[in-house]
Structure formats: structure tokens, C-alpha cells
């Protein structure tokens, strides 16, 4: 189900690239859309662009961090 506060748009992606996104998503128990968003956030972060954390469910990384504290 789409989140009302998120922007929806069509995206043209090479089928082999999307297959890898889907494979990673399945391994990490995410939807392909959530995986694509995660990969985009990681890429922006590596370029020094800071974004606020996504709204909604806690990510696995945040859950692991909270468990360590």
C-alpha cells in the first residue's frame, strides 16, 4: 500500500539492475520499492547529503543500534 506522504512516479530501470534490487530486497525482507529508497538514501549520504530519517517503521539498522544501547 502506497504511503500518502510519498511521491509516486514512474521509473525506467534496466531489467538486470531492477532484478538485483529485488534480490537484495528479498534478502533483507523489504519491498523492492523500500530497497530502492534505501539505496538512494545511502548514495546521497556517501555524497554528504544529510536527510532526516524516513517516517514510519524502524529500519533494521536503527533497531540494531537501539538494541546495543
Protein backbone atom coordinates (compact mmCIF):
# COMPACT_ATOMS: atom_id res chain seq x y z
CA UNK A 1 0.00 0.00 0.00
CA UNK A 2 1.39 3.38 -1.01
CA UNK A 3 2.09 5.97 1.65
CA UNK A 4 0.10 9.17 1.11
CA UNK A 5 3.07 11.34 2.11
CA UNK A 6 5.42 9.88 -0.52
CA UNK A 7 5.92 10.99 -4.09
CA UNK A 8 4.90 8.39 -6.68
CA UNK A 9 6.45 8.44 -10.14
CA UNK A 10 7.29 6.03 -12.95
CA UNK A 11 10.92 4.97 -13.13
CA UNK A 12 12.64 3.38 -16.10
CA UNK A 13 15.31 0.96 -14.91
CA UNK A 14 17.39 -1.63 -16.70
CA UNK A 15 15.75 -5.03 -16.04
CA UNK A 16 19.03 -6.56 -14.79
CA UNK A 17 19.50 -3.68 -12.33
CA UNK A 18 15.93 -3.99 -11.04
CA UNK A 19 16.36 -7.75 -10.67
CA UNK A 20 19.32 -7.10 -8.34
CA UNK A 21 17.29 -4.57 -6.34
CA UNK A 22 14.54 -7.17 -5.98
CA UNK A 23 17.08 -9.84 -4.98
CA UNK A 24 18.58 -7.60 -2.28
CA UNK A 25 15.10 -6.63 -1.10
CA UNK A 26 14.13 -10.28 -0.68
CA UNK A 27 17.33 -11.00 1.24
CA UNK A 28 16.68 -8.07 3.59
CA UNK A 29 12.92 -8.68 3.88
CA UNK A 30 11.97 -5.38 2.23
CA UNK A 31 9.84 -4.46 -0.74
CA UNK A 32 11.71 -3.58 -3.92
CA UNK A 33 10.45 -0.01 -3.53
CA UNK A 34 11.78 0.25 0.04
CA UNK A 35 15.09 -1.23 -1.11
CA UNK A 36 15.39 1.32 -3.93
CA UNK A 37 14.68 4.13 -1.45
CA UNK A 38 17.31 2.76 0.94
CA UNK A 39 19.90 2.57 -1.84
CA UNK A 40 19.13 6.14 -2.90
CA UNK A 41 19.48 7.37 0.70
CA UNK A 42 22.82 5.53 1.05
CA UNK A 43 24.10 7.04 -2.21
CA UNK A 44 23.12 10.56 -1.11
CA UNK A 45 24.71 10.02 2.29
CA UNK A 46 28.01 8.99 0.67
CA UNK A 47 27.91 12.30 -1.21
CA UNK A 48 27.48 14.22 2.02
CA UNK A 49 23.77 14.96 1.70
CA UNK A 50 22.02 14.60 5.03
CA UNK A 51 18.34 13.66 5.09
CA UNK A 52 16.08 13.16 8.04
CA UNK A 53 15.30 9.50 8.79
CA UNK A 54 12.31 8.08 6.95
CA UNK A 55 8.98 8.22 8.75
CA UNK A 56 7.23 5.02 9.72
CA UNK A 57 8.72 1.70 10.70
CA UNK A 58 12.17 1.47 12.23
CA UNK A 59 14.82 0.21 9.87
CA UNK A 60 16.91 -2.81 10.74
CA UNK A 61 19.96 -0.60 11.25
CA UNK A 62 18.14 1.64 13.73
CA UNK A 63 16.70 -1.38 15.53
CA UNK A 64 20.16 -2.94 15.85
CA UNK A 65 21.60 0.36 17.13
CA UNK A 66 18.86 0.71 19.75
CA UNK A 67 19.46 -2.89 20.88
CA UNK A 68 23.14 -2.09 21.53
CA UNK A 69 22.31 0.89 23.74
